N, C-alpha and C. Protein backbone atom coordinates (compact mmCIF):
# COMPACT_ATOMS: atom_id res chain seq x y z
N UNK A 1 -27.29 -35.11 -26.35
CA UNK A 1 -26.69 -34.83 -25.04
C UNK A 1 -26.10 -33.40 -25.04
N UNK A 2 -26.32 -32.69 -23.98
CA UNK A 2 -25.84 -31.31 -23.87
C UNK A 2 -24.40 -31.31 -23.40
N UNK A 3 -23.56 -30.56 -24.10
CA UNK A 3 -22.15 -30.45 -23.73
C UNK A 3 -22.00 -29.42 -22.62
N UNK A 4 -21.87 -29.89 -21.38
CA UNK A 4 -21.80 -28.99 -20.23
C UNK A 4 -20.44 -28.33 -20.09
N UNK A 5 -19.46 -28.77 -20.91
CA UNK A 5 -18.13 -28.16 -20.81
C UNK A 5 -18.10 -26.77 -21.41
N UNK A 6 -19.12 -26.45 -22.24
CA UNK A 6 -19.18 -25.13 -22.86
C UNK A 6 -19.99 -24.18 -21.98
N UNK A 7 -19.51 -22.96 -21.89
CA UNK A 7 -20.23 -21.97 -21.08
C UNK A 7 -21.42 -21.43 -21.86
N UNK A 8 -22.38 -20.93 -21.14
CA UNK A 8 -23.55 -20.33 -21.76
C UNK A 8 -23.24 -18.90 -22.15
N UNK A 9 -24.02 -18.30 -23.08
CA UNK A 9 -23.81 -16.89 -23.43
C UNK A 9 -23.92 -15.97 -22.21
N UNK A 10 -24.85 -16.30 -21.28
CA UNK A 10 -25.00 -15.47 -20.09
C UNK A 10 -23.74 -15.51 -19.23
N UNK A 11 -23.13 -16.71 -19.11
CA UNK A 11 -21.91 -16.84 -18.32
C UNK A 11 -20.76 -16.08 -18.96
N UNK A 12 -20.70 -16.17 -20.31
CA UNK A 12 -19.64 -15.43 -21.01
C UNK A 12 -19.81 -13.93 -20.81
N UNK A 13 -21.05 -13.46 -20.89
CA UNK A 13 -21.32 -12.05 -20.70
C UNK A 13 -20.96 -11.61 -19.29
N UNK A 14 -21.27 -12.42 -18.29
CA UNK A 14 -20.95 -12.08 -16.91
C UNK A 14 -19.44 -12.02 -16.71
N UNK A 15 -18.73 -12.95 -17.36
CA UNK A 15 -17.26 -12.96 -17.24
C UNK A 15 -16.67 -11.69 -17.84
N UNK A 16 -17.15 -11.32 -19.04
CA UNK A 16 -16.64 -10.11 -19.69
C UNK A 16 -16.96 -8.88 -18.85
N UNK A 17 -18.16 -8.87 -18.26
CA UNK A 17 -18.53 -7.72 -17.42
C UNK A 17 -17.60 -7.63 -16.21
N UNK A 18 -17.22 -8.76 -15.64
CA UNK A 18 -16.33 -8.75 -14.48
C UNK A 18 -14.95 -8.23 -14.86
N UNK A 19 -14.51 -8.52 -16.11
CA UNK A 19 -13.22 -8.02 -16.56
C UNK A 19 -13.25 -6.51 -16.69
N UNK A 20 -14.33 -6.01 -17.31
CA UNK A 20 -14.43 -4.57 -17.54
C UNK A 20 -14.60 -3.80 -16.23
N UNK A 21 -15.47 -4.31 -15.37
CA UNK A 21 -15.79 -3.59 -14.15
C UNK A 21 -14.85 -3.90 -13.01
N UNK A 22 -14.15 -5.00 -13.08
CA UNK A 22 -13.22 -5.36 -12.01
C UNK A 22 -13.90 -5.82 -10.75
N UNK A 23 -15.08 -6.40 -10.88
CA UNK A 23 -15.78 -6.89 -9.69
C UNK A 23 -15.11 -8.10 -9.12
N UNK A 24 -15.64 -8.62 -8.02
CA UNK A 24 -15.04 -9.81 -7.44
C UNK A 24 -15.35 -9.91 -5.98
N UNK A 25 -14.77 -10.89 -5.35
CA UNK A 25 -15.03 -11.12 -3.94
C UNK A 25 -14.28 -10.15 -3.07
N UNK A 26 -14.65 -10.10 -1.81
CA UNK A 26 -13.98 -9.20 -0.86
C UNK A 26 -12.54 -9.57 -0.64
N UNK A 27 -12.17 -10.82 -0.94
CA UNK A 27 -10.79 -11.25 -0.75
C UNK A 27 -9.83 -10.42 -1.57
N UNK A 28 -10.32 -9.94 -2.71
CA UNK A 28 -9.44 -9.29 -3.67
C UNK A 28 -8.69 -8.10 -3.10
N UNK A 29 -9.34 -7.34 -2.21
CA UNK A 29 -8.72 -6.09 -1.77
C UNK A 29 -8.58 -5.95 -0.27
N UNK A 30 -9.04 -6.91 0.52
CA UNK A 30 -9.00 -6.73 1.96
C UNK A 30 -7.56 -6.66 2.48
N UNK A 31 -6.75 -7.64 2.12
CA UNK A 31 -5.37 -7.64 2.60
C UNK A 31 -4.64 -6.40 2.13
N UNK A 32 -4.81 -6.06 0.86
CA UNK A 32 -4.14 -4.89 0.30
C UNK A 32 -4.59 -3.62 1.00
N UNK A 33 -5.91 -3.49 1.21
CA UNK A 33 -6.42 -2.30 1.86
C UNK A 33 -5.95 -2.17 3.29
N UNK A 34 -6.00 -3.27 4.03
CA UNK A 34 -5.55 -3.24 5.43
C UNK A 34 -4.06 -2.94 5.51
N UNK A 35 -3.28 -3.51 4.59
CA UNK A 35 -1.84 -3.27 4.59
C UNK A 35 -1.54 -1.79 4.36
N UNK A 36 -2.21 -1.19 3.40
CA UNK A 36 -1.99 0.23 3.13
C UNK A 36 -2.48 1.09 4.28
N UNK A 37 -3.66 0.77 4.80
CA UNK A 37 -4.21 1.57 5.90
C UNK A 37 -3.32 1.49 7.13
N UNK A 38 -2.94 0.27 7.51
CA UNK A 38 -2.09 0.11 8.69
C UNK A 38 -0.73 0.72 8.47
N UNK A 39 -0.15 0.50 7.29
CA UNK A 39 1.17 1.06 7.00
C UNK A 39 1.16 2.56 7.04
N UNK A 40 0.14 3.17 6.42
CA UNK A 40 0.08 4.63 6.42
C UNK A 40 -0.10 5.21 7.81
N UNK A 41 -1.00 4.61 8.60
CA UNK A 41 -1.25 5.12 9.94
C UNK A 41 -0.06 4.90 10.87
N UNK A 42 0.49 3.68 10.85
CA UNK A 42 1.57 3.36 11.78
C UNK A 42 2.86 4.10 11.45
N UNK A 43 3.24 4.06 10.18
CA UNK A 43 4.48 4.75 9.83
C UNK A 43 4.30 6.27 9.79
N UNK A 44 3.07 6.72 9.54
CA UNK A 44 2.78 8.14 9.70
C UNK A 44 2.93 8.56 11.15
N UNK A 45 2.46 7.69 12.06
CA UNK A 45 2.63 7.95 13.50
C UNK A 45 4.11 7.99 13.86
N UNK A 46 4.89 7.09 13.26
CA UNK A 46 6.33 7.11 13.54
C UNK A 46 6.96 8.41 13.07
N UNK A 47 6.53 8.91 11.92
CA UNK A 47 7.06 10.19 11.44
C UNK A 47 6.66 11.33 12.38
N UNK A 48 5.43 11.29 12.88
CA UNK A 48 5.02 12.30 13.86
C UNK A 48 5.88 12.22 15.11
N UNK A 49 6.23 11.00 15.50
CA UNK A 49 7.11 10.80 16.65
C UNK A 49 8.46 11.47 16.40
N UNK A 50 9.01 11.29 15.20
CA UNK A 50 10.30 11.90 14.88
C UNK A 50 10.20 13.42 14.79
N UNK A 51 9.04 13.91 14.34
CA UNK A 51 8.83 15.36 14.35
C UNK A 51 8.84 15.88 15.78
N UNK A 52 8.19 15.13 16.68
CA UNK A 52 8.20 15.51 18.09
C UNK A 52 9.60 15.54 18.66
N UNK A 53 10.45 14.58 18.23
CA UNK A 53 11.84 14.61 18.65
C UNK A 53 12.57 15.82 18.09
N UNK A 54 12.29 16.13 16.83
CA UNK A 54 12.97 17.22 16.15
C UNK A 54 12.69 18.57 16.81
N UNK A 55 11.43 18.78 17.22
CA UNK A 55 11.07 20.07 17.81
C UNK A 55 11.26 20.09 19.32
N UNK A 56 11.68 18.95 19.88
CA UNK A 56 11.99 18.92 21.30
C UNK A 56 10.85 18.55 22.22
N UNK A 57 9.73 18.09 21.66
CA UNK A 57 8.60 17.70 22.49
C UNK A 57 8.78 16.30 23.08
N UNK A 58 9.55 15.46 22.42
CA UNK A 58 9.79 14.09 22.89
C UNK A 58 11.27 13.94 23.20
N UNK A 59 11.56 13.59 24.43
CA UNK A 59 12.95 13.40 24.87
C UNK A 59 13.05 12.07 25.60
N UNK A 60 13.02 11.00 24.85
CA UNK A 60 13.09 9.66 25.42
C UNK A 60 14.52 9.14 25.39
N UNK A 61 14.84 8.19 26.26
CA UNK A 61 16.15 7.51 26.18
C UNK A 61 16.27 6.75 24.85
N UNK A 62 17.49 6.51 24.43
CA UNK A 62 17.73 5.84 23.14
C UNK A 62 17.05 4.48 23.07
N UNK A 63 17.08 3.74 24.16
CA UNK A 63 16.47 2.41 24.17
C UNK A 63 14.96 2.50 23.97
N UNK A 64 14.34 3.50 24.58
CA UNK A 64 12.89 3.69 24.43
C UNK A 64 12.55 4.08 22.99
N UNK A 65 13.37 4.93 22.40
CA UNK A 65 13.16 5.32 21.00
C UNK A 65 13.23 4.10 20.08
N UNK A 66 14.24 3.26 20.30
CA UNK A 66 14.39 2.05 19.49
C UNK A 66 13.21 1.11 19.67
N UNK A 67 12.75 0.97 20.91
CA UNK A 67 11.62 0.08 21.19
C UNK A 67 10.36 0.58 20.47
N UNK A 68 10.18 1.88 20.43
CA UNK A 68 9.01 2.45 19.75
C UNK A 68 9.05 2.16 18.26
N UNK A 69 10.21 2.36 17.65
CA UNK A 69 10.35 2.13 16.21
C UNK A 69 10.12 0.66 15.87
N UNK A 70 10.70 -0.23 16.67
CA UNK A 70 10.51 -1.67 16.45
C UNK A 70 9.05 -2.04 16.66
N UNK A 71 8.42 -1.43 17.67
CA UNK A 71 7.02 -1.71 17.94
C UNK A 71 6.11 -1.35 16.78
N UNK A 72 6.43 -0.28 16.07
CA UNK A 72 5.64 0.12 14.90
C UNK A 72 5.66 -0.98 13.85
N UNK A 73 6.85 -1.49 13.56
CA UNK A 73 6.97 -2.55 12.54
C UNK A 73 6.29 -3.83 12.99
N UNK A 74 6.44 -4.19 14.26
CA UNK A 74 5.79 -5.39 14.79
C UNK A 74 4.27 -5.26 14.68
N UNK A 75 3.75 -4.10 15.04
CA UNK A 75 2.31 -3.87 14.95
C UNK A 75 1.82 -3.99 13.51
N UNK A 76 2.60 -3.48 12.58
CA UNK A 76 2.22 -3.56 11.17
C UNK A 76 2.11 -5.01 10.72
N UNK A 77 3.09 -5.84 11.08
CA UNK A 77 3.07 -7.23 10.66
C UNK A 77 1.95 -8.02 11.34
N UNK A 78 1.60 -7.65 12.56
CA UNK A 78 0.48 -8.31 13.24
C UNK A 78 -0.82 -8.03 12.48
N UNK A 79 -1.03 -6.77 12.11
CA UNK A 79 -2.23 -6.41 11.35
C UNK A 79 -2.25 -7.12 10.00
N UNK A 80 -1.09 -7.16 9.34
CA UNK A 80 -1.01 -7.81 8.04
C UNK A 80 -1.33 -9.30 8.13
N UNK A 81 -0.82 -9.97 9.15
CA UNK A 81 -1.11 -11.39 9.33
C UNK A 81 -2.59 -11.62 9.59
N UNK A 82 -3.22 -10.72 10.34
CA UNK A 82 -4.66 -10.84 10.58
C UNK A 82 -5.43 -10.73 9.27
N UNK A 83 -5.05 -9.77 8.44
CA UNK A 83 -5.76 -9.57 7.17
C UNK A 83 -5.60 -10.78 6.26
N UNK A 84 -4.41 -11.34 6.21
CA UNK A 84 -4.17 -12.52 5.38
C UNK A 84 -5.02 -13.69 5.86
N UNK A 85 -5.11 -13.87 7.18
CA UNK A 85 -5.93 -14.95 7.73
C UNK A 85 -7.40 -14.75 7.38
N UNK A 86 -7.85 -13.50 7.46
CA UNK A 86 -9.24 -13.21 7.11
C UNK A 86 -9.51 -13.50 5.65
N UNK A 87 -8.55 -13.16 4.78
CA UNK A 87 -8.73 -13.40 3.36
C UNK A 87 -8.88 -14.89 3.04
N UNK A 88 -8.17 -15.72 3.77
CA UNK A 88 -8.21 -17.16 3.49
C UNK A 88 -9.58 -17.75 3.75
N UNK A 89 -10.39 -17.06 4.51
CA UNK A 89 -11.74 -17.54 4.78
C UNK A 89 -12.67 -17.32 3.59
N UNK A 90 -12.23 -16.51 2.62
CA UNK A 90 -13.12 -16.09 1.54
C UNK A 90 -12.90 -16.84 0.24
N UNK A 91 -12.03 -17.83 0.23
CA UNK A 91 -11.86 -18.62 -0.98
C UNK A 91 -10.87 -18.01 -1.95
N UNK A 92 -11.05 -18.32 -3.22
CA UNK A 92 -10.09 -17.91 -4.25
C UNK A 92 -10.29 -16.47 -4.65
N UNK A 93 -9.30 -15.95 -5.39
CA UNK A 93 -9.32 -14.54 -5.80
C UNK A 93 -10.38 -14.31 -6.87
N UNK A 94 -10.67 -13.05 -7.11
CA UNK A 94 -11.71 -12.65 -8.03
C UNK A 94 -11.27 -12.64 -9.48
N UNK A 95 -11.87 -11.76 -10.31
CA UNK A 95 -11.66 -11.76 -11.75
C UNK A 95 -10.27 -11.30 -12.15
N UNK A 96 -10.04 -11.28 -13.48
CA UNK A 96 -8.69 -11.06 -14.00
C UNK A 96 -8.16 -9.67 -13.64
N UNK A 97 -9.01 -8.65 -13.63
CA UNK A 97 -8.55 -7.31 -13.28
C UNK A 97 -7.99 -7.29 -11.87
N UNK A 98 -8.71 -7.93 -10.95
CA UNK A 98 -8.26 -7.96 -9.56
C UNK A 98 -6.96 -8.74 -9.43
N UNK A 99 -6.88 -9.87 -10.13
CA UNK A 99 -5.64 -10.65 -10.07
C UNK A 99 -4.47 -9.87 -10.65
N UNK A 100 -4.73 -9.11 -11.70
CA UNK A 100 -3.68 -8.28 -12.30
C UNK A 100 -3.19 -7.23 -11.31
N UNK A 101 -4.13 -6.59 -10.62
CA UNK A 101 -3.75 -5.58 -9.63
C UNK A 101 -2.96 -6.20 -8.48
N UNK A 102 -3.41 -7.35 -8.02
CA UNK A 102 -2.68 -8.02 -6.94
C UNK A 102 -1.27 -8.36 -7.36
N UNK A 103 -1.11 -8.81 -8.62
CA UNK A 103 0.22 -9.13 -9.13
C UNK A 103 1.08 -7.88 -9.21
N UNK A 104 0.49 -6.76 -9.64
CA UNK A 104 1.24 -5.51 -9.75
C UNK A 104 1.74 -5.05 -8.38
N UNK A 105 0.86 -5.08 -7.38
CA UNK A 105 1.26 -4.64 -6.05
C UNK A 105 2.26 -5.61 -5.41
N UNK A 106 2.11 -6.90 -5.69
CA UNK A 106 3.08 -7.88 -5.18
C UNK A 106 4.45 -7.66 -5.80
N UNK A 107 4.46 -7.37 -7.10
CA UNK A 107 5.73 -7.08 -7.77
C UNK A 107 6.39 -5.84 -7.20
N UNK A 108 5.57 -4.85 -6.88
CA UNK A 108 6.12 -3.64 -6.26
C UNK A 108 6.74 -3.96 -4.91
N UNK A 109 6.12 -4.87 -4.16
CA UNK A 109 6.69 -5.29 -2.88
C UNK A 109 8.04 -5.95 -3.03
N UNK A 110 8.20 -6.78 -4.07
CA UNK A 110 9.49 -7.40 -4.33
C UNK A 110 10.54 -6.36 -4.67
N UNK A 111 10.15 -5.38 -5.48
CA UNK A 111 11.09 -4.31 -5.83
C UNK A 111 11.45 -3.48 -4.60
N UNK A 112 10.49 -3.26 -3.71
CA UNK A 112 10.76 -2.52 -2.48
C UNK A 112 11.88 -3.16 -1.67
N UNK A 113 11.87 -4.49 -1.61
CA UNK A 113 12.90 -5.20 -0.85
C UNK A 113 14.28 -4.96 -1.45
N UNK A 114 14.36 -5.00 -2.77
CA UNK A 114 15.64 -4.74 -3.43
C UNK A 114 16.11 -3.31 -3.16
N UNK A 115 15.18 -2.36 -3.18
CA UNK A 115 15.54 -0.96 -2.94
C UNK A 115 16.05 -0.77 -1.52
N UNK A 116 15.42 -1.44 -0.56
CA UNK A 116 15.87 -1.36 0.84
C UNK A 116 17.32 -1.82 0.95
N UNK A 117 17.63 -2.95 0.31
CA UNK A 117 18.99 -3.50 0.40
C UNK A 117 20.00 -2.56 -0.25
N UNK A 118 19.68 -2.05 -1.43
CA UNK A 118 20.61 -1.19 -2.17
C UNK A 118 20.90 0.09 -1.41
N UNK A 119 19.86 0.80 -0.98
CA UNK A 119 20.08 2.08 -0.31
C UNK A 119 20.59 1.89 1.11
N UNK A 120 20.13 0.83 1.77
CA UNK A 120 20.65 0.55 3.11
C UNK A 120 22.14 0.26 3.09
N UNK A 121 22.56 -0.58 2.15
CA UNK A 121 23.99 -0.91 2.03
C UNK A 121 24.80 0.33 1.67
N UNK A 122 24.28 1.13 0.73
CA UNK A 122 25.00 2.34 0.31
C UNK A 122 25.17 3.33 1.44
N UNK A 123 24.11 3.53 2.23
CA UNK A 123 24.19 4.47 3.35
C UNK A 123 25.18 3.99 4.40
N UNK A 124 25.17 2.67 4.67
CA UNK A 124 26.09 2.12 5.66
C UNK A 124 27.54 2.19 5.17
N UNK A 125 27.74 1.88 3.91
CA UNK A 125 29.10 1.88 3.35
C UNK A 125 29.70 3.28 3.34
N UNK A 126 28.92 4.27 2.92
CA UNK A 126 29.42 5.63 2.79
C UNK A 126 29.23 6.46 4.05
N UNK A 127 28.58 5.86 5.07
CA UNK A 127 28.32 6.58 6.31
C UNK A 127 27.61 7.91 6.05
N UNK A 128 26.60 7.84 5.20
CA UNK A 128 25.86 9.05 4.82
C UNK A 128 24.37 8.72 4.91
N UNK A 129 23.70 9.23 5.94
CA UNK A 129 22.29 8.93 6.15
C UNK A 129 21.42 9.48 5.03
N UNK A 130 21.88 10.53 4.35
CA UNK A 130 21.09 11.11 3.27
C UNK A 130 20.86 10.11 2.15
N UNK A 131 21.79 9.19 1.94
CA UNK A 131 21.60 8.17 0.91
C UNK A 131 20.37 7.32 1.24
N UNK A 132 20.22 6.98 2.52
CA UNK A 132 19.05 6.20 2.93
C UNK A 132 17.76 6.95 2.69
N UNK A 133 17.80 8.28 2.78
CA UNK A 133 16.59 9.07 2.60
C UNK A 133 16.08 9.05 1.16
N UNK A 134 16.91 8.61 0.23
CA UNK A 134 16.42 8.45 -1.14
C UNK A 134 15.50 7.23 -1.25
N UNK A 135 15.60 6.32 -0.30
CA UNK A 135 14.77 5.11 -0.34
C UNK A 135 13.27 5.43 -0.33
N UNK A 136 12.76 6.23 0.62
CA UNK A 136 11.32 6.54 0.56
C UNK A 136 10.92 7.22 -0.74
N UNK A 137 11.79 8.05 -1.30
CA UNK A 137 11.46 8.71 -2.57
C UNK A 137 11.24 7.67 -3.66
N UNK A 138 12.09 6.66 -3.71
CA UNK A 138 11.94 5.61 -4.72
C UNK A 138 10.69 4.78 -4.48
N UNK A 139 10.35 4.58 -3.21
CA UNK A 139 9.13 3.82 -2.89
C UNK A 139 7.90 4.55 -3.40
N UNK A 140 7.84 5.86 -3.17
CA UNK A 140 6.69 6.62 -3.65
C UNK A 140 6.64 6.65 -5.17
N UNK A 141 7.81 6.69 -5.82
CA UNK A 141 7.83 6.66 -7.28
C UNK A 141 7.30 5.33 -7.80
N UNK A 142 7.71 4.25 -7.16
CA UNK A 142 7.26 2.92 -7.56
C UNK A 142 5.76 2.77 -7.31
N UNK A 143 5.30 3.24 -6.17
CA UNK A 143 3.87 3.18 -5.87
C UNK A 143 3.07 4.01 -6.86
N UNK A 144 3.63 5.13 -7.29
CA UNK A 144 2.96 5.96 -8.28
C UNK A 144 2.72 5.18 -9.56
N UNK A 145 3.73 4.43 -10.00
CA UNK A 145 3.59 3.63 -11.23
C UNK A 145 2.52 2.55 -11.06
N UNK A 146 2.50 1.91 -9.89
CA UNK A 146 1.52 0.84 -9.66
C UNK A 146 0.10 1.41 -9.63
N UNK A 147 -0.05 2.54 -8.98
CA UNK A 147 -1.39 3.14 -8.91
C UNK A 147 -1.86 3.62 -10.29
N UNK A 148 -0.91 4.00 -11.14
CA UNK A 148 -1.30 4.38 -12.51
C UNK A 148 -1.81 3.16 -13.26
N UNK A 149 -1.17 2.01 -13.04
CA UNK A 149 -1.67 0.77 -13.63
C UNK A 149 -3.08 0.48 -13.12
N UNK A 150 -3.28 0.65 -11.82
CA UNK A 150 -4.60 0.42 -11.24
C UNK A 150 -5.64 1.34 -11.87
N UNK A 151 -5.28 2.61 -12.04
CA UNK A 151 -6.22 3.54 -12.67
C UNK A 151 -6.51 3.16 -14.12
N UNK A 152 -5.48 2.70 -14.84
CA UNK A 152 -5.67 2.30 -16.24
C UNK A 152 -6.66 1.15 -16.36
N UNK A 153 -6.69 0.28 -15.33
CA UNK A 153 -7.58 -0.87 -15.37
C UNK A 153 -8.98 -0.55 -14.87
N UNK A 154 -9.08 0.27 -13.83
CA UNK A 154 -10.38 0.51 -13.19
C UNK A 154 -10.96 1.91 -13.40
N UNK A 155 -10.11 2.84 -13.82
CA UNK A 155 -10.57 4.20 -14.13
C UNK A 155 -11.25 4.89 -12.96
N UNK A 156 -10.75 4.65 -11.75
CA UNK A 156 -11.30 5.34 -10.59
C UNK A 156 -10.48 6.60 -10.32
N UNK A 157 -11.11 7.76 -10.23
CA UNK A 157 -10.36 9.01 -10.10
C UNK A 157 -9.40 9.03 -8.91
N UNK A 158 -9.79 8.42 -7.78
CA UNK A 158 -8.92 8.46 -6.62
C UNK A 158 -7.62 7.69 -6.86
N UNK A 159 -7.64 6.71 -7.74
CA UNK A 159 -6.42 5.98 -8.08
C UNK A 159 -5.47 6.86 -8.88
N UNK A 160 -6.02 7.62 -9.82
CA UNK A 160 -5.19 8.56 -10.60
C UNK A 160 -4.62 9.64 -9.69
N UNK A 161 -5.44 10.14 -8.75
CA UNK A 161 -4.96 11.15 -7.81
C UNK A 161 -3.84 10.59 -6.94
N UNK A 162 -3.97 9.34 -6.53
CA UNK A 162 -2.91 8.70 -5.72
C UNK A 162 -1.63 8.55 -6.53
N UNK A 163 -1.77 8.17 -7.80
CA UNK A 163 -0.59 8.04 -8.66
C UNK A 163 0.11 9.38 -8.83
N UNK A 164 -0.66 10.43 -9.09
CA UNK A 164 -0.07 11.76 -9.26
C UNK A 164 0.57 12.24 -7.96
N UNK A 165 -0.10 12.01 -6.84
CA UNK A 165 0.45 12.40 -5.55
C UNK A 165 1.75 11.68 -5.23
N UNK A 166 1.81 10.40 -5.58
CA UNK A 166 3.03 9.64 -5.35
C UNK A 166 4.19 10.16 -6.18
N UNK A 167 3.91 10.55 -7.41
CA UNK A 167 4.96 11.09 -8.28
C UNK A 167 5.50 12.41 -7.72
N UNK A 168 4.59 13.29 -7.33
CA UNK A 168 5.00 14.58 -6.76
C UNK A 168 5.79 14.37 -5.47
N UNK A 169 5.33 13.45 -4.63
CA UNK A 169 6.02 13.17 -3.37
C UNK A 169 7.42 12.63 -3.61
N UNK A 170 7.55 11.73 -4.60
CA UNK A 170 8.87 11.16 -4.90
C UNK A 170 9.86 12.25 -5.29
N UNK A 171 9.43 13.15 -6.16
CA UNK A 171 10.31 14.24 -6.59
C UNK A 171 10.64 15.16 -5.42
N UNK A 172 9.63 15.50 -4.62
CA UNK A 172 9.85 16.39 -3.48
C UNK A 172 10.83 15.79 -2.49
N UNK A 173 10.66 14.52 -2.16
CA UNK A 173 11.56 13.88 -1.19
C UNK A 173 12.98 13.79 -1.75
N UNK A 174 13.10 13.49 -3.04
CA UNK A 174 14.43 13.42 -3.64
C UNK A 174 15.16 14.75 -3.59
N UNK A 175 14.42 15.84 -3.72
CA UNK A 175 15.03 17.17 -3.68
C UNK A 175 15.36 17.60 -2.25
N UNK A 176 14.61 17.08 -1.27
CA UNK A 176 14.70 17.56 0.11
C UNK A 176 15.56 16.70 1.03
N UNK A 177 16.35 15.78 0.48
CA UNK A 177 17.09 14.86 1.35
C UNK A 177 18.09 15.57 2.27
N UNK A 178 18.52 16.75 1.89
CA UNK A 178 19.45 17.50 2.74
C UNK A 178 18.74 18.51 3.63
N UNK A 179 17.42 18.51 3.58
CA UNK A 179 16.62 19.41 4.43
C UNK A 179 15.68 18.52 5.25
N UNK A 180 16.23 17.94 6.29
CA UNK A 180 15.54 16.88 7.02
C UNK A 180 14.20 17.30 7.61
N UNK A 181 14.09 18.54 8.07
CA UNK A 181 12.84 18.97 8.68
C UNK A 181 11.69 18.98 7.69
N UNK A 182 11.88 19.66 6.56
CA UNK A 182 10.83 19.73 5.54
C UNK A 182 10.56 18.35 4.96
N UNK A 183 11.63 17.59 4.77
CA UNK A 183 11.52 16.21 4.27
C UNK A 183 10.57 15.41 5.16
N UNK A 184 10.73 15.52 6.45
CA UNK A 184 9.92 14.75 7.39
C UNK A 184 8.46 15.16 7.34
N UNK A 185 8.20 16.45 7.20
CA UNK A 185 6.81 16.92 7.09
C UNK A 185 6.15 16.37 5.83
N UNK A 186 6.87 16.42 4.71
CA UNK A 186 6.32 15.93 3.45
C UNK A 186 6.04 14.44 3.53
N UNK A 187 6.99 13.69 4.08
CA UNK A 187 6.83 12.24 4.19
C UNK A 187 5.64 11.87 5.09
N UNK A 188 5.48 12.61 6.18
CA UNK A 188 4.37 12.35 7.10
C UNK A 188 3.03 12.55 6.41
N UNK A 189 2.88 13.69 5.73
CA UNK A 189 1.63 13.98 5.02
C UNK A 189 1.35 12.93 3.95
N UNK A 190 2.39 12.52 3.22
CA UNK A 190 2.20 11.57 2.13
C UNK A 190 1.79 10.20 2.66
N UNK A 191 2.32 9.79 3.79
CA UNK A 191 1.93 8.50 4.36
C UNK A 191 0.45 8.47 4.73
N UNK A 192 -0.02 9.54 5.33
CA UNK A 192 -1.43 9.59 5.70
C UNK A 192 -2.34 9.70 4.48
N UNK A 193 -1.94 10.53 3.51
CA UNK A 193 -2.80 10.79 2.35
C UNK A 193 -2.71 9.71 1.28
N UNK A 194 -1.50 9.21 1.00
CA UNK A 194 -1.29 8.33 -0.14
C UNK A 194 -1.18 6.86 0.22
N UNK A 195 -1.07 6.55 1.51
CA UNK A 195 -1.10 5.16 1.95
C UNK A 195 -2.35 4.88 2.78
N UNK A 196 -2.52 5.63 3.88
CA UNK A 196 -3.69 5.38 4.73
C UNK A 196 -4.99 5.71 4.00
N UNK A 197 -4.99 6.78 3.20
CA UNK A 197 -6.21 7.17 2.47
C UNK A 197 -6.69 6.10 1.52
N UNK A 198 -5.87 5.69 0.54
CA UNK A 198 -6.29 4.59 -0.34
C UNK A 198 -6.57 3.30 0.41
N UNK A 199 -5.80 3.04 1.47
CA UNK A 199 -6.04 1.84 2.26
C UNK A 199 -7.43 1.84 2.87
N UNK A 200 -7.85 3.00 3.38
CA UNK A 200 -9.20 3.10 3.95
C UNK A 200 -10.26 2.85 2.89
N UNK A 201 -10.07 3.40 1.69
CA UNK A 201 -11.04 3.20 0.61
C UNK A 201 -11.14 1.73 0.23
N UNK A 202 -9.99 1.06 0.06
CA UNK A 202 -9.98 -0.34 -0.33
C UNK A 202 -10.57 -1.24 0.75
N UNK A 203 -10.21 -0.94 2.00
CA UNK A 203 -10.75 -1.75 3.11
C UNK A 203 -12.26 -1.58 3.22
N UNK A 204 -12.73 -0.37 3.11
CA UNK A 204 -14.17 -0.11 3.16
C UNK A 204 -14.90 -0.86 2.05
N UNK A 205 -14.36 -0.79 0.82
CA UNK A 205 -15.01 -1.46 -0.30
C UNK A 205 -14.99 -2.98 -0.13
N UNK A 206 -13.87 -3.50 0.39
CA UNK A 206 -13.76 -4.95 0.58
C UNK A 206 -14.75 -5.44 1.63
N UNK A 207 -14.90 -4.69 2.72
CA UNK A 207 -15.84 -5.08 3.77
C UNK A 207 -17.28 -4.99 3.27
N UNK A 208 -17.57 -3.99 2.44
CA UNK A 208 -18.90 -3.89 1.87
C UNK A 208 -19.17 -5.07 0.94
N UNK A 209 -18.17 -5.45 0.14
CA UNK A 209 -18.33 -6.58 -0.77
C UNK A 209 -18.54 -7.87 0.01
N UNK A 210 -17.80 -8.00 1.11
CA UNK A 210 -17.97 -9.21 1.94
C UNK A 210 -19.39 -9.26 2.52
N UNK A 211 -19.87 -8.11 3.02
CA UNK A 211 -21.21 -8.09 3.57
C UNK A 211 -22.25 -8.42 2.53
N UNK A 212 -22.04 -7.91 1.29
CA UNK A 212 -22.98 -8.20 0.21
C UNK A 212 -22.96 -9.67 -0.17
N UNK A 213 -21.74 -10.27 -0.21
CA UNK A 213 -21.61 -11.70 -0.53
C UNK A 213 -22.30 -12.55 0.54
N UNK A 214 -22.11 -12.19 1.80
CA UNK A 214 -22.73 -12.96 2.89
C UNK A 214 -24.24 -12.80 2.87
N UNK A 215 -24.71 -11.58 2.51
CA UNK A 215 -26.14 -11.36 2.45
C UNK A 215 -26.78 -12.15 1.33
N UNK A 216 -26.04 -12.29 0.22
CA UNK A 216 -26.58 -13.07 -0.92
C UNK A 216 -26.67 -14.54 -0.59
N UNK A 217 -25.73 -15.00 0.30
CA UNK A 217 -25.78 -16.40 0.72
C UNK A 217 -26.99 -16.66 1.61
């Protein structure tokens, strides 16, 4: 009788290849890619809005300004919920490399929440908005570390470039907290380049993988 509980050499080889190459289903990166793409575009747009206010091109009432800022966040969560729903249609997650990356980015999200609370409380307590401006610097530093992990696993040059860009942005923002104009320009560029850019790459790859999976079916 053949013991079917044991994998074949071909299956073992395919599993090892998936670990090395990081292949997997489209589910692995769609939510992550859409989240980065939407976050970079929407919050980059918000920064452009603030630049328009700074140079005097936008002169809206306070209530309208608040509604716009809230609308950006609402739009982001709507896109994120759509991506999560789409992912659920694709079944379980892919190989170990992909699961490791998802865990790394999820952990970064948990740390982001703690950073928001710490810097938000500090800025409110000391009545110093500059303290809050250290928050984006820490976010880019944390993202830099996560992208370096991603590069270590997959060895894709754009991941290393994103990690390096995040590190440089974190340092620049930390130095520029008292120079709000330059700070805003740097943050705007970084959101488009280091969030929307990688998000577009991941979303494109995930959609291609989904199309390939559906074509194979």
